[in-house]
Amino acid sequence: MDLVFIHDLELTTKIGVFAWEHHIEQKLILDLDLAWPNQPSAQNDDINLALDYSAVVERIEIFAKTRQFELLETFAEEIAALLIEQFKIEYIKLKIRKPGAIKNAVVGVQIERRKN
């Protein structure tokens, strides 16, 4: 399986269960591993056959700016479903970190999803 990865993607969004979190933007850091057949684009040196990772990042950023969630788990599930649907990705591994959520620790969620 070929993968395209986007790691250490920093974005801000409104996320959290506490009332005070509903009114501020907080930083999230995403790592994505996306199954994508790289051989066709490589053989033809054709950008049109490659996964447009700048479009993937742009879509995630728009999603994060226009939505609000309490749980990282919900944010992760919806991002995975969106990317699978919009970009026809067969498999995604998504890790989301929320810096500062817990003192002296890195916390977050990681999911793996496949196209149905």
C-alpha atoms as a PDB file:
ATOM      1  CA  MET A   1       0.000   0.000   0.000  1.00  0.00           C
ATOM      2  CA  ASP A   2       1.273   3.442  -0.909  1.00  0.00           C
ATOM      3  CA  LEU A   3       0.795   6.319   1.500  1.00  0.00           C
ATOM      4  CA  VAL A   4       0.767  10.062   1.245  1.00  0.00           C
ATOM      5  CA  PHE A   5       1.386  11.632   4.612  1.00  0.00           C
ATOM      6  CA  ILE A   6       0.715  15.029   6.110  1.00  0.00           C
ATOM      7  CA  HIS A   7       2.281  15.347   9.552  1.00  0.00           C
ATOM      8  CA  ASP A   8       2.416  18.119  12.128  1.00  0.00           C
ATOM      9  CA  LEU A   9      -0.454  20.047  10.549  1.00  0.00           C
ATOM     10  CA  GLU A  10      -1.283  22.801  13.028  1.00  0.00           C
ATOM     11  CA  LEU A  11      -4.685  24.417  13.015  1.00  0.00           C
ATOM     12  CA  THR A  12      -7.007  26.183  15.398  1.00  0.00           C
ATOM     13  CA  THR A  13     -10.643  25.395  16.068  1.00  0.00           C
ATOM     14  CA  LYS A  14     -13.284  25.672  18.752  1.00  0.00           C
ATOM     15  CA  ILE A  15     -13.216  22.356  20.596  1.00  0.00           C
ATOM     16  CA  GLY A  16     -13.763  21.221  24.152  1.00  0.00           C
ATOM     17  CA  VAL A  17     -16.351  20.142  26.681  1.00  0.00           C
ATOM     18  CA  PHE A  18     -16.001  23.029  29.097  1.00  0.00           C
ATOM     19  CA  ALA A  19     -18.134  26.165  28.642  1.00  0.00           C
ATOM     20  CA  TRP A  20     -15.073  28.413  28.452  1.00  0.00           C
ATOM     21  CA  GLU A  21     -13.713  26.285  25.593  1.00  0.00           C
ATOM     22  CA  HIS A  22     -16.783  27.028  23.468  1.00  0.00           C
ATOM     23  CA  HIS A  23     -15.676  30.644  23.068  1.00  0.00           C
ATOM     24  CA  ILE A  24     -11.996  30.296  22.216  1.00  0.00           C
ATOM     25  CA  GLU A  25      -9.954  28.684  19.488  1.00  0.00           C
ATOM     26  CA  GLN A  26      -7.448  26.044  20.517  1.00  0.00           C
ATOM     27  CA  LYS A  27      -4.555  24.491  18.640  1.00  0.00           C
ATOM     28  CA  LEU A  28      -4.699  20.956  17.333  1.00  0.00           C
ATOM     29  CA  ILE A  29      -1.879  19.060  15.636  1.00  0.00           C
ATOM     30  CA  LEU A  30      -2.822  16.440  13.060  1.00  0.00           C
ATOM     31  CA  ASP A  31      -0.861  13.583  11.505  1.00  0.00           C
ATOM     32  CA  LEU A  32      -2.504  11.922   8.514  1.00  0.00           C
ATOM     33  CA  ASP A  33      -1.435   8.822   6.606  1.00  0.00           C
ATOM     34  CA  LEU A  34      -3.576   8.459   3.484  1.00  0.00           C
ATOM     35  CA  ALA A  35      -3.639   5.388   1.257  1.00  0.00           C
ATOM     36  CA  TRP A  36      -3.156   6.520  -2.319  1.00  0.00           C
ATOM     37  CA  PRO A  37      -1.842   4.673  -5.381  1.00  0.00           C
ATOM     38  CA  ASN A  38       1.331   6.645  -6.135  1.00  0.00           C
ATOM     39  CA  GLN A  39       2.557   4.435  -8.967  1.00  0.00           C
ATOM     40  CA  PRO A  40       0.284   5.848 -11.715  1.00  0.00           C
ATOM     41  CA  SER A  41       1.364   9.443 -11.074  1.00  0.00           C
ATOM     42  CA  ALA A  42       5.021   8.404 -10.718  1.00  0.00           C
ATOM     43  CA  GLN A  43       5.066   6.376 -13.938  1.00  0.00           C
ATOM     44  CA  ASN A  44       3.588   9.251 -15.920  1.00  0.00           C
ATOM     45  CA  ASP A  45       5.047  12.108 -13.888  1.00  0.00           C
ATOM     46  CA  ASP A  46       1.457  13.399 -13.901  1.00  0.00           C
ATOM     47  CA  ILE A  47       0.265  15.695 -11.129  1.00  0.00           C
ATOM     48  CA  ASN A  48      -3.347  14.982 -12.115  1.00  0.00           C
ATOM     49  CA  LEU A  49      -2.966  11.388 -10.920  1.00  0.00           C
ATOM     50  CA  ALA A  50      -1.425  12.362  -7.572  1.00  0.00           C
ATOM     51  CA  LEU A  51      -3.287  13.146  -4.375  1.00  0.00           C
ATOM     52  CA  ASP A  52      -3.448  16.916  -4.037  1.00  0.00           C
ATOM     53  CA  TYR A  53      -2.284  17.243  -0.446  1.00  0.00           C
ATOM     54  CA  SER A  54      -2.634  21.027  -0.546  1.00  0.00           C
ATOM     55  CA  ALA A  55      -6.344  20.528  -1.327  1.00  0.00           C
ATOM     56  CA  VAL A  56      -6.591  18.025   1.536  1.00  0.00           C
ATOM     57  CA  VAL A  57      -5.047  20.536   3.955  1.00  0.00           C
ATOM     58  CA  GLU A  58      -7.285  23.337   2.703  1.00  0.00           C
ATOM     59  CA  ARG A  59     -10.395  21.184   3.175  1.00  0.00           C
ATOM     60  CA  ILE A  60      -9.374  20.284   6.736  1.00  0.00           C
ATOM     61  CA  GLU A  61      -8.686  23.932   7.583  1.00  0.00           C
ATOM     62  CA  ILE A  62     -12.083  25.038   6.252  1.00  0.00           C
ATOM     63  CA  PHE A  63     -13.769  22.244   8.188  1.00  0.00           C
ATOM     64  CA  ALA A  64     -11.985  23.234  11.414  1.00  0.00           C
ATOM     65  CA  LYS A  65     -12.920  26.915  11.017  1.00  0.00           C
ATOM     66  CA  THR A  66     -16.593  26.281  10.289  1.00  0.00           C
ATOM     67  CA  ARG A  67     -17.423  23.550  12.810  1.00  0.00           C
ATOM     68  CA  GLN A  68     -17.341  23.226  16.582  1.00  0.00           C
ATOM     69  CA  PHE A  69     -17.125  20.040  18.628  1.00  0.00           C
ATOM     70  CA  GLU A  70     -16.809  19.021  22.230  1.00  0.00           C
ATOM     71  CA  LEU A  71     -14.847  15.824  21.614  1.00  0.00           C
ATOM     72  CA  LEU A  72     -11.662  15.142  19.682  1.00  0.00           C
ATOM     73  CA  GLU A  73     -13.181  11.749  18.906  1.00  0.00           C
ATOM     74  CA  THR A  74     -16.061  13.358  16.992  1.00  0.00           C
ATOM     75  CA  PHE A  75     -13.724  15.756  15.185  1.00  0.00           C
ATOM     76  CA  ALA A  76     -11.523  12.814  14.120  1.00  0.00           C
ATOM     77  CA  GLU A  77     -14.421  10.684  12.876  1.00  0.00           C
ATOM     78  CA  GLU A  78     -15.889  13.501  10.828  1.00  0.00           C
ATOM     79  CA  ILE A  79     -12.542  14.495   9.286  1.00  0.00           C
ATOM     80  CA  ALA A  80     -11.863  10.870   8.325  1.00  0.00           C
ATOM     81  CA  ALA A  81     -15.316  10.451   6.762  1.00  0.00           C
ATOM     82  CA  LEU A  82     -14.991  13.745   4.887  1.00  0.00           C
ATOM     83  CA  LEU A  83     -11.599  12.886   3.382  1.00  0.00           C
ATOM     84  CA  ILE A  84     -12.636   9.348   2.420  1.00  0.00           C
ATOM     85  CA  GLU A  85     -15.729  10.715   0.696  1.00  0.00           C
ATOM     86  CA  GLN A  86     -14.321  13.835  -0.954  1.00  0.00           C
ATOM     87  CA  PHE A  87     -10.932  12.513  -2.075  1.00  0.00           C
ATOM     88  CA  LYS A  88     -11.861   8.833  -2.585  1.00  0.00           C
ATOM     89  CA  ILE A  89      -9.224   7.706  -0.103  1.00  0.00           C
ATOM     90  CA  GLU A  90      -9.329   3.974   0.667  1.00  0.00           C
ATOM     91  CA  TYR A  91      -7.691   4.159   4.119  1.00  0.00           C
ATOM     92  CA  ILE A  92      -6.773   6.867   6.585  1.00  0.00           C
ATOM     93  CA  LYS A  93      -4.815   6.854   9.808  1.00  0.00           C
ATOM     94  CA  LEU A  94      -5.437  10.071  11.701  1.00  0.00           C
ATOM     95  CA  LYS A  95      -3.772  11.199  14.901  1.00  0.00           C
ATOM     96  CA  ILE A  96      -4.907  14.396  16.627  1.00  0.00           C
ATOM     97  CA  ARG A  97      -3.023  15.986  19.503  1.00  0.00           C
ATOM     98  CA  LYS A  98      -4.418  18.750  21.721  1.00  0.00           C
ATOM     99  CA  PRO A  99      -1.429  20.579  23.263  1.00  0.00           C
ATOM    100  CA  GLY A 100      -2.015  21.979  26.719  1.00  0.00           C
ATOM    101  CA  ALA A 101      -5.109  19.903  27.461  1.00  0.00           C
ATOM    102  CA  ILE A 102      -3.293  18.102  30.290  1.00  0.00           C
ATOM    103  CA  LYS A 103      -0.321  19.538  32.136  1.00  0.00           C
ATOM    104  CA  ASN A 104       2.939  17.654  31.496  1.00  0.00           C
ATOM    105  CA  ALA A 105       1.414  15.289  28.904  1.00  0.00           C
ATOM    106  CA  VAL A 106       0.595  14.997  25.247  1.00  0.00           C
ATOM    107  CA  VAL A 107      -2.992  13.836  24.773  1.00  0.00           C
ATOM    108  CA  GLY A 108      -5.152  13.108  21.793  1.00  0.00           C
ATOM    109  CA  VAL A 109      -6.815  10.415  19.744  1.00  0.00           C
ATOM    110  CA  GLN A 110      -5.797   8.170  16.877  1.00  0.00           C
ATOM    111  CA  ILE A 111      -8.149   6.354  14.521  1.00  0.00           C
ATOM    112  CA  GLU A 112      -7.830   4.219  11.407  1.00  0.00           C
ATOM    113  CA  ARG A 113     -10.688   4.019   8.943  1.00  0.00           C
ATOM    114  CA  ARG A 114     -11.277   2.311   5.604  1.00  0.00           C
ATOM    115  CA  LYS A 115     -13.654   3.146   2.807  1.00  0.00           C
ATOM    116  CA  ASN A 116     -16.774   0.974   3.048  1.00  0.00           C
END
